[in-house]
Structure formats: structure tokens, C-alpha cells
Amino acid sequence: MVTRDERIRLIDGYNLEISDLEPQDAGDYVCQISDKINRDQVHTVEILVPPSVRAIPTSGQLQARKGGPITLECKGSGNPVPSIYWTKKVRNEKVVFYAYGLMRKYCENL
């Protein structure tokens, strides 16, 4: 099935132009030239997307009971995929939590 996409057009008769790029436009595009032997030229397109972050709940405000658990959620997206780590401000120190429960403390003027 062939679908028409107004964002894609040929320019100068041979060059493919895609406007208003979206993440789903990433992939391999093949130009095939044929005389008696087929020759392919593959162009790989990667779409870079700035990182974004979303807290859940969006207000970022949570309450918990003493002795109970709490889960703080943060969703990050982008291409390349951004690194996410957590910090907690405590007076003049910042506690940094890395993946797998590793933790480091260092002093900083906050």
C-alpha cells in the first residue's frame, strides 16, 4: 500500500526532501540507481529529540505516612535517551542517588 505524504518530495529530480521531521521518520532510506546493474545507496536518518521530563503526579507533591513506602516517579524521554538521576537537598549538602541504589554525598552551597 502506498500512501501520499505531503512532507516528502523530490527536488532537482533525484533528491528526496522530507520536511517537518518526526521521530517516526528515522530509518534507512535507499536510493537505487539502475542501468544494467542495480546500485543502492543507503542513507540512515536519526532524528534527535531534545530531552523532556515529566513528574508523576505533575504537581510533584506527595504525602506519605511514617514507616510506609513512597515511590517518586520521573519519566524522561528524548533521543538520545537522557540519563536520569535523583538528588535530595539537605541543608548544605546534596545527596545524589544513582541507579541500583548507589549513593554519593558531597557538599555544595545550595
PDB file of N, CA and C in Angstrom:
ATOM      1  N   MET A   1       0.840  -1.182   0.000  1.00  0.00           N
ATOM      2  CA  MET A   1       0.000   0.000   0.000  1.00  0.00           C
ATOM      3  C   MET A   1       0.882   1.242   0.000  1.00  0.00           C
ATOM      4  N   VAL A   2       0.610   2.160  -0.866  1.00  0.00           N
ATOM      5  CA  VAL A   2       1.356   3.411  -0.956  1.00  0.00           C
ATOM      6  C   VAL A   2       0.451   4.534  -0.470  1.00  0.00           C
ATOM      7  N   THR A   3       0.977   5.338   0.455  1.00  0.00           N
ATOM      8  CA  THR A   3       0.208   6.482   0.944  1.00  0.00           C
ATOM      9  C   THR A   3       0.953   7.755   0.586  1.00  0.00           C
ATOM     10  N   ARG A   4       0.227   8.779   0.290  1.00  0.00           N
ATOM     11  CA  ARG A   4       0.805  10.061  -0.077  1.00  0.00           C
ATOM     12  C   ARG A   4       1.120  10.846   1.190  1.00  0.00           C
ATOM     13  N   ASP A   5       2.316  11.429   1.223  1.00  0.00           N
ATOM     14  CA  ASP A   5       2.731  12.253   2.364  1.00  0.00           C
ATOM     15  C   ASP A   5       3.207  13.587   1.806  1.00  0.00           C
ATOM     16  N   GLU A   6       2.483  14.630   2.105  1.00  0.00           N
ATOM     17  CA  GLU A   6       2.791  15.967   1.573  1.00  0.00           C
ATOM     18  C   GLU A   6       4.146  16.500   2.044  1.00  0.00           C
ATOM     19  N   ARG A   7       4.710  15.896   3.077  1.00  0.00           N
ATOM     20  CA  ARG A   7       6.005  16.355   3.598  1.00  0.00           C
ATOM     21  C   ARG A   7       7.178  15.845   2.778  1.00  0.00           C
ATOM     22  N   ILE A   8       6.936  14.855   1.911  1.00  0.00           N
ATOM     23  CA  ILE A   8       8.009  14.221   1.158  1.00  0.00           C
ATOM     24  C   ILE A   8       7.891  14.596  -0.312  1.00  0.00           C
ATOM     25  N   ARG A   9       9.040  15.032  -0.891  1.00  0.00           N
ATOM     26  CA  ARG A   9       9.017  15.381  -2.309  1.00  0.00           C
ATOM     27  C   ARG A   9      10.400  15.190  -2.918  1.00  0.00           C
ATOM     28  N   LEU A  10      10.424  15.053  -4.225  1.00  0.00           N
ATOM     29  CA  LEU A  10      11.676  15.003  -4.965  1.00  0.00           C
ATOM     30  C   LEU A  10      12.048  16.413  -5.382  1.00  0.00           C
ATOM     31  N   ILE A  11      13.312  16.764  -5.189  1.00  0.00           N
ATOM     32  CA  ILE A  11      13.792  18.063  -5.653  1.00  0.00           C
ATOM     33  C   ILE A  11      14.942  17.822  -6.624  1.00  0.00           C
ATOM     34  N   ASP A  12      15.057  18.679  -7.603  1.00  0.00           N
ATOM     35  CA  ASP A  12      16.055  18.547  -8.664  1.00  0.00           C
ATOM     36  C   ASP A  12      15.951  17.187  -9.348  1.00  0.00           C
ATOM     37  N   GLY A  13      14.777  16.565  -9.288  1.00  0.00           N
ATOM     38  CA  GLY A  13      14.539  15.319  -9.983  1.00  0.00           C
ATOM     39  C   GLY A  13      15.038  14.061  -9.298  1.00  0.00           C
ATOM     40  N   TYR A  14      16.018  14.172  -8.383  1.00  0.00           N
ATOM     41  CA  TYR A  14      16.635  12.982  -7.805  1.00  0.00           C
ATOM     42  C   TYR A  14      16.759  13.000  -6.291  1.00  0.00           C
ATOM     43  N   ASN A  15      16.705  14.146  -5.691  1.00  0.00           N
ATOM     44  CA  ASN A  15      16.958  14.274  -4.254  1.00  0.00           C
ATOM     45  C   ASN A  15      15.656  14.215  -3.471  1.00  0.00           C
ATOM     46  N   LEU A  16      15.677  13.463  -2.391  1.00  0.00           N
ATOM     47  CA  LEU A  16      14.494  13.300  -1.553  1.00  0.00           C
ATOM     48  C   LEU A  16      14.538  14.334  -0.437  1.00  0.00           C
ATOM     49  N   GLU A  17      13.476  15.095  -0.279  1.00  0.00           N
ATOM     50  CA  GLU A  17      13.380  16.084   0.796  1.00  0.00           C
ATOM     51  C   GLU A  17      12.188  15.724   1.680  1.00  0.00           C
ATOM     52  N   ILE A  18      12.434  15.681   2.985  1.00  0.00           N
ATOM     53  CA  ILE A  18      11.370  15.424   3.957  1.00  0.00           C
ATOM     54  C   ILE A  18      11.297  16.643   4.866  1.00  0.00           C
ATOM     55  N   SER A  19      10.161  17.268   4.931  1.00  0.00           N
ATOM     56  CA  SER A  19      10.006  18.449   5.789  1.00  0.00           C
ATOM     57  C   SER A  19       9.264  18.075   7.063  1.00  0.00           C
ATOM     58  N   ASP A  20       9.358  18.943   8.064  1.00  0.00           N
ATOM     59  CA  ASP A  20       8.658  18.744   9.345  1.00  0.00           C
ATOM     60  C   ASP A  20       8.926  17.347   9.911  1.00  0.00           C
ATOM     61  N   LEU A  21      10.210  17.019  10.093  1.00  0.00           N
ATOM     62  CA  LEU A  21      10.602  15.688  10.553  1.00  0.00           C
ATOM     63  C   LEU A  21       9.958  15.310  11.877  1.00  0.00           C
ATOM     64  N   GLU A  22       9.601  14.050  11.986  1.00  0.00           N
ATOM     65  CA  GLU A  22       9.042  13.447  13.198  1.00  0.00           C
ATOM     66  C   GLU A  22       9.914  12.250  13.565  1.00  0.00           C
ATOM     67  N   PRO A  23       9.888  11.814  14.835  1.00  0.00           N
ATOM     68  CA  PRO A  23      10.697  10.653  15.229  1.00  0.00           C
ATOM     69  C   PRO A  23      10.451   9.420  14.357  1.00  0.00           C
ATOM     70  N   GLN A  24       9.222   9.217  13.908  1.00  0.00           N
ATOM     71  CA  GLN A  24       8.927   8.037  13.094  1.00  0.00           C
ATOM     72  C   GLN A  24       9.544   8.117  11.698  1.00  0.00           C
ATOM     73  N   ASP A  25      10.116   9.262  11.309  1.00  0.00           N
ATOM     74  CA  ASP A  25      10.802   9.377  10.024  1.00  0.00           C
ATOM     75  C   ASP A  25      12.201   8.779  10.059  1.00  0.00           C
ATOM     76  N   ALA A  26      12.696   8.430  11.249  1.00  0.00           N
ATOM     77  CA  ALA A  26      14.028   7.826  11.357  1.00  0.00           C
ATOM     78  C   ALA A  26      14.045   6.488  10.648  1.00  0.00           C
ATOM     79  N   GLY A  27      15.204   6.139  10.102  1.00  0.00           N
ATOM     80  CA  GLY A  27      15.339   4.839   9.456  1.00  0.00           C
ATOM     81  C   GLY A  27      16.251   4.906   8.256  1.00  0.00           C
ATOM     82  N   ASP A  28      16.271   3.833   7.495  1.00  0.00           N
ATOM     83  CA  ASP A  28      17.111   3.732   6.307  1.00  0.00           C
ATOM     84  C   ASP A  28      16.306   4.095   5.072  1.00  0.00           C
ATOM     85  N   TYR A  29      16.842   4.991   4.270  1.00  0.00           N
ATOM     86  CA  TYR A  29      16.258   5.383   3.003  1.00  0.00           C
ATOM     87  C   TYR A  29      17.215   4.911   1.913  1.00  0.00           C
ATOM     88  N   VAL A  30      16.695   4.232   0.909  1.00  0.00           N
ATOM     89  CA  VAL A  30      17.533   3.619  -0.116  1.00  0.00           C
ATOM     90  C   VAL A  30      17.268   4.297  -1.457  1.00  0.00           C
ATOM     91  N   CYS A  31      18.350   4.775  -2.062  1.00  0.00           N
ATOM     92  CA  CYS A  31      18.306   5.297  -3.421  1.00  0.00           C
ATOM     93  C   CYS A  31      18.865   4.196  -4.310  1.00  0.00           C
ATOM     94  N   GLN A  32      18.093   3.804  -5.303  1.00  0.00           N
ATOM     95  CA  GLN A  32      18.549   2.731  -6.186  1.00  0.00           C
ATOM     96  C   GLN A  32      18.729   3.293  -7.594  1.00  0.00           C
ATOM     97  N   ILE A  33      19.932   3.090  -8.125  1.00  0.00           N
ATOM     98  CA  ILE A  33      20.251   3.530  -9.479  1.00  0.00           C
ATOM     99  C   ILE A  33      20.390   2.271 -10.315  1.00  0.00           C
ATOM    100  N   SER A  34      19.749   2.282 -11.472  1.00  0.00           N
ATOM    101  CA  SER A  34      19.765   1.073 -12.283  1.00  0.00           C
ATOM    102  C   SER A  34      20.152   1.412 -13.715  1.00  0.00           C
ATOM    103  N   ASP A  35      21.210   0.770 -14.184  1.00  0.00           N
ATOM    104  CA  ASP A  35      21.490   0.749 -15.614  1.00  0.00           C
ATOM    105  C   ASP A  35      21.360  -0.717 -16.001  1.00  0.00           C
ATOM    106  N   LYS A  36      22.418  -1.437 -16.073  1.00  0.00           N
ATOM    107  CA  LYS A  36      22.316  -2.888 -16.235  1.00  0.00           C
ATOM    108  C   LYS A  36      22.544  -3.595 -14.916  1.00  0.00           C
ATOM    109  N   ILE A  37      23.147  -2.866 -13.976  1.00  0.00           N
ATOM    110  CA  ILE A  37      23.413  -3.397 -12.642  1.00  0.00           C
ATOM    111  C   ILE A  37      22.751  -2.460 -11.641  1.00  0.00           C
ATOM    112  N   ASN A  38      22.000  -3.033 -10.694  1.00  0.00           N
ATOM    113  CA  ASN A  38      21.386  -2.203  -9.656  1.00  0.00           C
ATOM    114  C   ASN A  38      22.441  -1.777  -8.649  1.00  0.00           C
ATOM    115  N   ARG A  39      22.413  -0.521  -8.302  1.00  0.00           N
ATOM    116  CA  ARG A  39      23.315   0.009  -7.277  1.00  0.00           C
ATOM    117  C   ARG A  39      22.451   0.730  -6.237  1.00  0.00           C
ATOM    118  N   ASP A  40      22.694   0.400  -4.980  1.00  0.00           N
ATOM    119  CA  ASP A  40      21.932   1.007  -3.887  1.00  0.00           C
ATOM    120  C   ASP A  40      22.823   1.943  -3.094  1.00  0.00           C
ATOM    121  N   GLN A  41      22.246   3.071  -2.691  1.00  0.00           N
ATOM    122  CA  GLN A  41      22.894   3.981  -1.746  1.00  0.00           C
ATOM    123  C   GLN A  41      21.939   4.126  -0.569  1.00  0.00           C
ATOM    124  N   VAL A  42      22.406   3.724   0.629  1.00  0.00           N
ATOM    125  CA  VAL A  42      21.561   3.771   1.817  1.00  0.00           C
ATOM    126  C   VAL A  42      21.924   5.001   2.639  1.00  0.00           C
ATOM    127  N   HIS A  43      20.922   5.768   2.999  1.00  0.00           N
ATOM    128  CA  HIS A  43      21.081   6.912   3.906  1.00  0.00           C
ATOM    129  C   HIS A  43      20.341   6.564   5.190  1.00  0.00           C
ATOM    130  N   THR A  44      21.041   6.611   6.323  1.00  0.00           N
ATOM    131  CA  THR A  44      20.417   6.341   7.615  1.00  0.00           C
ATOM    132  C   THR A  44      20.127   7.667   8.303  1.00  0.00           C
ATOM    133  N   VAL A  45      18.874   7.874   8.636  1.00  0.00           N
ATOM    134  CA  VAL A  45      18.436   9.122   9.257  1.00  0.00           C
ATOM    135  C   VAL A  45      18.112   8.863  10.724  1.00  0.00           C
ATOM    136  N   GLU A  46      18.736   9.637  11.606  1.00  0.00           N
ATOM    137  CA  GLU A  46      18.431   9.593  13.038  1.00  0.00           C
ATOM    138  C   GLU A  46      17.823  10.943  13.408  1.00  0.00           C
ATOM    139  N   ILE A  47      16.724  10.927  14.080  1.00  0.00           N
ATOM    140  CA  ILE A  47      16.047  12.155  14.490  1.00  0.00           C
ATOM    141  C   ILE A  47      16.411  12.438  15.941  1.00  0.00           C
ATOM    142  N   LEU A  48      17.054  13.575  16.188  1.00  0.00           N
ATOM    143  CA  LEU A  48      17.409  13.977  17.550  1.00  0.00           C
ATOM    144  C   LEU A  48      16.234  14.725  18.164  1.00  0.00           C
ATOM    145  N   VAL A  49      15.874  14.340  19.369  1.00  0.00           N
ATOM    146  CA  VAL A  49      14.742  14.953  20.072  1.00  0.00           C
ATOM    147  C   VAL A  49      15.259  15.476  21.404  1.00  0.00           C
ATOM    148  N   PRO A  50      15.090  16.777  21.697  1.00  0.00           N
ATOM    149  CA  PRO A  50      15.573  17.303  22.975  1.00  0.00           C
ATOM    150  C   PRO A  50      14.947  16.554  24.147  1.00  0.00           C
ATOM    151  N   PRO A  51      15.703  16.424  25.245  1.00  0.00           N
ATOM    152  CA  PRO A  51      15.159  15.708  26.401  1.00  0.00           C
ATOM    153  C   PRO A  51      13.985  16.455  27.029  1.00  0.00           C
ATOM    154  N   SER A  52      13.055  15.684  27.554  1.00  0.00           N
ATOM    155  CA  SER A  52      11.949  16.266  28.318  1.00  0.00           C
ATOM    156  C   SER A  52      11.743  15.406  29.554  1.00  0.00           C
ATOM    157  N   VAL A  53      11.179  16.015  30.570  1.00  0.00           N
ATOM    158  CA  VAL A  53      10.959  15.302  31.829  1.00  0.00           C
ATOM    159  C   VAL A  53       9.528  15.555  32.278  1.00  0.00           C
ATOM    160  N   ARG A  54       8.938  14.532  32.894  1.00  0.00           N
ATOM    161  CA  ARG A  54       7.564  14.645  33.382  1.00  0.00           C
ATOM    162  C   ARG A  54       7.485  13.978  34.743  1.00  0.00           C
ATOM    163  N   ALA A  55       7.059  14.733  35.731  1.00  0.00           N
ATOM    164  CA  ALA A  55       6.882  14.194  37.079  1.00  0.00           C
ATOM    165  C   ALA A  55       5.483  13.606  37.207  1.00  0.00           C
ATOM    166  N   ILE A  56       5.367  12.557  38.010  1.00  0.00           N
ATOM    167  CA  ILE A  56       4.066  11.943  38.282  1.00  0.00           C
ATOM    168  C   ILE A  56       3.904  11.884  39.794  1.00  0.00           C
ATOM    169  N   PRO A  57       2.951  12.577  40.386  1.00  0.00           N
ATOM    170  CA  PRO A  57       1.964  13.444  39.762  1.00  0.00           C
ATOM    171  C   PRO A  57       2.624  14.728  39.231  1.00  0.00           C
ATOM    172  N   THR A  58       1.938  15.410  38.330  1.00  0.00           N
ATOM    173  CA  THR A  58       2.519  16.584  37.688  1.00  0.00           C
ATOM    174  C   THR A  58       2.851  17.693  38.669  1.00  0.00           C
ATOM    175  N   SER A  59       2.150  17.763  39.804  1.00  0.00           N
ATOM    176  CA  SER A  59       2.445  18.794  40.812  1.00  0.00           C
ATOM    177  C   SER A  59       3.766  18.522  41.509  1.00  0.00           C
ATOM    178  N   GLY A  60       4.209  17.258  41.517  1.00  0.00           N
ATOM    179  CA  GLY A  60       5.430  16.892  42.215  1.00  0.00           C
ATOM    180  C   GLY A  60       5.254  16.780  43.718  1.00  0.00           C
ATOM    181  N   GLN A  61       4.046  17.015  44.224  1.00  0.00           N
ATOM    182  CA  GLN A  61       3.778  16.982  45.665  1.00  0.00           C
ATOM    183  C   GLN A  61       3.222  15.621  46.066  1.00  0.00           C
ATOM    184  N   LEU A  62       3.848  14.999  47.074  1.00  0.00           N
ATOM    185  CA  LEU A  62       3.404  13.703  47.567  1.00  0.00           C
ATOM    186  C   LEU A  62       3.342  13.713  49.085  1.00  0.00           C
ATOM    187  N   GLN A  63       2.483  12.900  49.644  1.00  0.00           N
ATOM    188  CA  GLN A  63       2.433  12.714  51.088  1.00  0.00           C
ATOM    189  C   GLN A  63       2.537  11.226  51.379  1.00  0.00           C
ATOM    190  N   ALA A  64       3.174  10.911  52.502  1.00  0.00           N
ATOM    191  CA  ALA A  64       3.311   9.507  52.899  1.00  0.00           C
ATOM    192  C   ALA A  64       3.204   9.417  54.410  1.00  0.00           C
ATOM    193  N   ARG A  65       2.828   8.242  54.889  1.00  0.00           N
ATOM    194  CA  ARG A  65       2.750   8.000  56.330  1.00  0.00           C
ATOM    195  C   ARG A  65       4.109   7.539  56.847  1.00  0.00           C
ATOM    196  N   LYS A  66       4.406   7.923  58.056  1.00  0.00           N
ATOM    197  CA  LYS A  66       5.637   7.487  58.701  1.00  0.00           C
ATOM    198  C   LYS A  66       5.682   5.958  58.708  1.00  0.00           C
ATOM    199  N   GLY A  67       6.830   5.412  58.324  1.00  0.00           N
ATOM    200  CA  GLY A  67       7.011   3.963  58.293  1.00  0.00           C
ATOM    201  C   GLY A  67       6.525   3.298  57.022  1.00  0.00           C
ATOM    202  N   GLY A  68       5.824   4.044  56.175  1.00  0.00           N
ATOM    203  CA  GLY A  68       5.306   3.476  54.927  1.00  0.00           C
ATOM    204  C   GLY A  68       6.258   3.726  53.768  1.00  0.00           C
ATOM    205  N   PRO A  69       5.975   3.126  52.637  1.00  0.00           N
ATOM    206  CA  PRO A  69       6.806   3.339  51.450  1.00  0.00           C
ATOM    207  C   PRO A  69       6.283   4.511  50.624  1.00  0.00           C
ATOM    208  N   ILE A  70       7.125   5.003  49.737  1.00  0.00           N
ATOM    209  CA  ILE A  70       6.698   6.017  48.774  1.00  0.00           C
ATOM    210  C   ILE A  70       7.496   5.797  47.497  1.00  0.00           C
ATOM    211  N   THR A  71       6.866   5.989  46.366  1.00  0.00           N
ATOM    212  CA  THR A  71       7.537   5.874  45.075  1.00  0.00           C
ATOM    213  C   THR A  71       7.447   7.215  44.371  1.00  0.00           C
ATOM    214  N   LEU A  72       8.590   7.774  44.044  1.00  0.00           N
ATOM    215  CA  LEU A  72       8.653   9.030  43.310  1.00  0.00           C
ATOM    216  C   LEU A  72       8.933   8.681  41.855  1.00  0.00           C
ATOM    217  N   GLU A  73       8.059   9.111  40.961  1.00  0.00           N
ATOM    218  CA  GLU A  73       8.209   8.750  39.556  1.00  0.00           C
ATOM    219  C   GLU A  73       8.635   9.941  38.730  1.00  0.00           C
ATOM    220  N   CYS A  74       9.524   9.689  37.799  1.00  0.00           N
ATOM    221  CA  CYS A  74      10.007  10.704  36.873  1.00  0.00           C
ATOM    222  C   CYS A  74      10.178  10.031  35.523  1.00  0.00           C
ATOM    223  N   LYS A  75       9.515  10.529  34.516  1.00  0.00           N
ATOM    224  CA  LYS A  75       9.603   9.947  33.178  1.00  0.00           C
ATOM    225  C   LYS A  75      10.408  10.886  32.291  1.00  0.00           C
ATOM    226  N   GLY A  76      11.460  10.362  31.689  1.00  0.00           N
ATOM    227  CA  GLY A  76      12.277  11.141  30.776  1.00  0.00           C
ATOM    228  C   GLY A  76      12.223  10.549  29.390  1.00  0.00           C
ATOM    229  N   SER A  77      12.289  11.411  28.388  1.00  0.00           N
ATOM    230  CA  SER A  77      12.306  10.928  27.018  1.00  0.00           C
ATOM    231  C   SER A  77      13.169  11.839  26.170  1.00  0.00           C
ATOM    232  N   GLY A  78      13.541  11.361  25.021  1.00  0.00           N
ATOM    233  CA  GLY A  78      14.361  12.107  24.081  1.00  0.00           C
ATOM    234  C   GLY A  78      15.227  11.158  23.285  1.00  0.00           C
ATOM    235  N   ASN A  79      15.904  11.687  22.289  1.00  0.00           N
ATOM    236  CA  ASN A  79      16.854  10.896  21.509  1.00  0.00           C
ATOM    237  C   ASN A  79      18.086  11.748  21.264  1.00  0.00           C
ATOM    238  N   PRO A  80      19.232  11.352  21.821  1.00  0.00           N
ATOM    239  CA  PRO A  80      19.449  10.111  22.558  1.00  0.00           C
ATOM    240  C   PRO A  80      18.720  10.122  23.904  1.00  0.00           C
ATOM    241  N   VAL A  81      18.462   8.926  24.444  1.00  0.00           N
ATOM    242  CA  VAL A  81      17.740   8.783  25.702  1.00  0.00           C
ATOM    243  C   VAL A  81      18.536   9.473  26.814  1.00  0.00           C
ATOM    244  N   PRO A  82      17.908  10.388  27.559  1.00  0.00           N
ATOM    245  CA  PRO A  82      18.639  11.104  28.614  1.00  0.00           C
ATOM    246  C   PRO A  82      18.899  10.226  29.837  1.00  0.00           C
ATOM    247  N   SER A  83      19.978  10.549  30.549  1.00  0.00           N
ATOM    248  CA  SER A  83      20.256   9.896  31.830  1.00  0.00           C
ATOM    249  C   SER A  83      19.404  10.565  32.896  1.00  0.00           C
ATOM    250  N   ILE A  84      18.925   9.768  33.822  1.00  0.00           N
ATOM    251  CA  ILE A  84      18.102  10.311  34.910  1.00  0.00           C
ATOM    252  C   ILE A  84      18.722   9.902  36.233  1.00  0.00           C
ATOM    253  N   TYR A  85      18.890  10.845  37.140  1.00  0.00           N
ATOM    254  CA  TYR A  85      19.314  10.541  38.496  1.00  0.00           C
ATOM    255  C   TYR A  85      18.569  11.457  39.444  1.00  0.00           C
ATOM    256  N   TRP A  86      18.546  11.074  40.686  1.00  0.00           N
ATOM    257  CA  TRP A  86      17.797  11.806  41.696  1.00  0.00           C
ATOM    258  C   TRP A  86      18.754  12.462  42.671  1.00  0.00           C
ATOM    259  N   THR A  87      18.357  13.627  43.193  1.00  0.00           N
ATOM    260  CA  THR A  87      19.106  14.271  44.264  1.00  0.00           C
ATOM    261  C   THR A  87      18.128  14.666  45.364  1.00  0.00           C
ATOM    262  N   LYS A  88      18.648  14.821  46.562  1.00  0.00           N
ATOM    263  CA  LYS A  88      17.848  15.321  47.676  1.00  0.00           C
ATOM    264  C   LYS A  88      18.658  16.419  48.335  1.00  0.00           C
ATOM    265  N   LYS A  89      18.064  17.586  48.480  1.00  0.00           N
ATOM    266  CA  LYS A  89      18.745  18.702  49.128  1.00  0.00           C
ATOM    267  C   LYS A  89      18.565  18.588  50.634  1.00  0.00           C
ATOM    268  N   VAL A  90      19.665  18.595  51.360  1.00  0.00           N
ATOM    269  CA  VAL A  90      19.648  18.538  52.822  1.00  0.00           C
ATOM    270  C   VAL A  90      20.620  19.600  53.321  1.00  0.00           C
ATOM    271  N   ARG A  91      20.095  20.704  53.807  1.00  0.00           N
ATOM    272  CA  ARG A  91      20.898  21.834  54.274  1.00  0.00           C
ATOM    273  C   ARG A  91      21.931  22.220  53.217  1.00  0.00           C
ATOM    274  N   ASN A  92      23.222  22.086  53.518  1.00  0.00           N
ATOM    275  CA  ASN A  92      24.247  22.493  52.558  1.00  0.00           C
ATOM    276  C   ASN A  92      24.837  21.307  51.803  1.00  0.00           C
ATOM    277  N   GLU A  93      24.170  20.181  51.850  1.00  0.00           N
ATOM    278  CA  GLU A  93      24.643  19.003  51.134  1.00  0.00           C
ATOM    279  C   GLU A  93      23.603  18.568  50.100  1.00  0.00           C
ATOM    280  N   LYS A  94      24.094  17.933  49.087  1.00  0.00           N
ATOM    281  CA  LYS A  94      23.205  17.329  48.103  1.00  0.00           C
ATOM    282  C   LYS A  94      23.535  15.844  48.081  1.00  0.00           C
ATOM    283  N   VAL A  95      22.545  15.000  48.268  1.00  0.00           N
ATOM    284  CA  VAL A  95      22.740  13.557  48.216  1.00  0.00           C
ATOM    285  C   VAL A  95      22.312  13.107  46.818  1.00  0.00           C
ATOM    286  N   VAL A  96      23.209  12.439  46.123  1.00  0.00           N
ATOM    287  CA  VAL A  96      22.926  12.002  44.763  1.00  0.00           C
ATOM    288  C   VAL A  96      22.674  10.502  44.763  1.00  0.00           C
ATOM    289  N   PHE A  97      21.547  10.076  44.232  1.00  0.00           N
ATOM    290  CA  PHE A  97      21.191   8.667  44.137  1.00  0.00           C
ATOM    291  C   PHE A  97      21.369   8.225  42.689  1.00  0.00           C
ATOM    292  N   TYR A  98      22.179   7.238  42.500  1.00  0.00           N
ATOM    293  CA  TYR A  98      22.365   6.692  41.156  1.00  0.00           C
ATOM    294  C   TYR A  98      21.550   5.414  41.013  1.00  0.00           C
ATOM    295  N   ALA A  99      21.543   4.862  39.835  1.00  0.00           N
ATOM    296  CA  ALA A  99      20.835   3.604  39.595  1.00  0.00           C
ATOM    297  C   ALA A  99      21.394   2.507  40.490  1.00  0.00           C
ATOM    298  N   TYR A 100      20.621   1.504  40.746  1.00  0.00           N
ATOM    299  CA  TYR A 100      20.979   0.335  41.539  1.00  0.00           C
ATOM    300  C   TYR A 100      21.256   0.690  42.995  1.00  0.00           C
ATOM    301  N   GLY A 101      20.722   1.806  43.495  1.00  0.00           N
ATOM    302  CA  GLY A 101      20.823   2.137  44.905  1.00  0.00           C
ATOM    303  C   GLY A 101      22.159   2.690  45.344  1.00  0.00           C
ATOM    304  N   LEU A 102      23.079   2.934  44.421  1.00  0.00           N
ATOM    305  CA  LEU A 102      24.357   3.526  44.805  1.00  0.00           C
ATOM    306  C   LEU A 102      24.128   4.981  45.166  1.00  0.00           C
ATOM    307  N   MET A 103      24.907   5.483  46.103  1.00  0.00           N
ATOM    308  CA  MET A 103      24.675   6.829  46.586  1.00  0.00           C
ATOM    309  C   MET A 103      26.010   7.508  46.859  1.00  0.00           C
ATOM    310  N   ARG A 104      26.057   8.819  46.651  1.00  0.00           N
ATOM    311  CA  ARG A 104      27.245   9.600  46.924  1.00  0.00           C
ATOM    312  C   ARG A 104      26.796  10.899  47.582  1.00  0.00           C
ATOM    313  N   LYS A 105      27.546  11.370  48.565  1.00  0.00           N
ATOM    314  CA  LYS A 105      27.254  12.650  49.219  1.00  0.00           C
ATOM    315  C   LYS A 105      28.371  13.625  48.915  1.00  0.00           C
ATOM    316  N   TYR A 106      28.028  14.871  48.696  1.00  0.00           N
ATOM    317  CA  TYR A 106      29.049  15.894  48.580  1.00  0.00           C
ATOM    318  C   TYR A 106      28.464  17.220  49.028  1.00  0.00           C
ATOM    319  N   CYS A 107      29.325  18.110  49.488  1.00  0.00           N
ATOM    320  CA  CYS A 107      28.880  19.414  49.981  1.00  0.00           C
ATOM    321  C   CYS A 107      28.783  20.400  48.827  1.00  0.00           C
ATOM    322  N   GLU A 108      27.810  21.255  48.923  1.00  0.00           N
ATOM    323  CA  GLU A 108      27.607  22.254  47.896  1.00  0.00           C
ATOM    324  C   GLU A 108      26.822  23.396  48.522  1.00  0.00           C
ATOM    325  N   ASN A 109      27.108  24.606  48.119  1.00  0.00           N
ATOM    326  CA  ASN A 109      26.314  25.745  48.587  1.00  0.00           C
ATOM    327  C   ASN A 109      25.012  25.755  47.816  1.00  0.00           C
ATOM    328  N   LEU A 110      23.924  25.512  48.491  1.00  0.00           N
ATOM    329  CA  LEU A 110      22.609  25.458  47.831  1.00  0.00           C
ATOM    330  C   LEU A 110      21.853  26.730  48.038  1.00  0.00           C
TER     331      LEU A 110
END
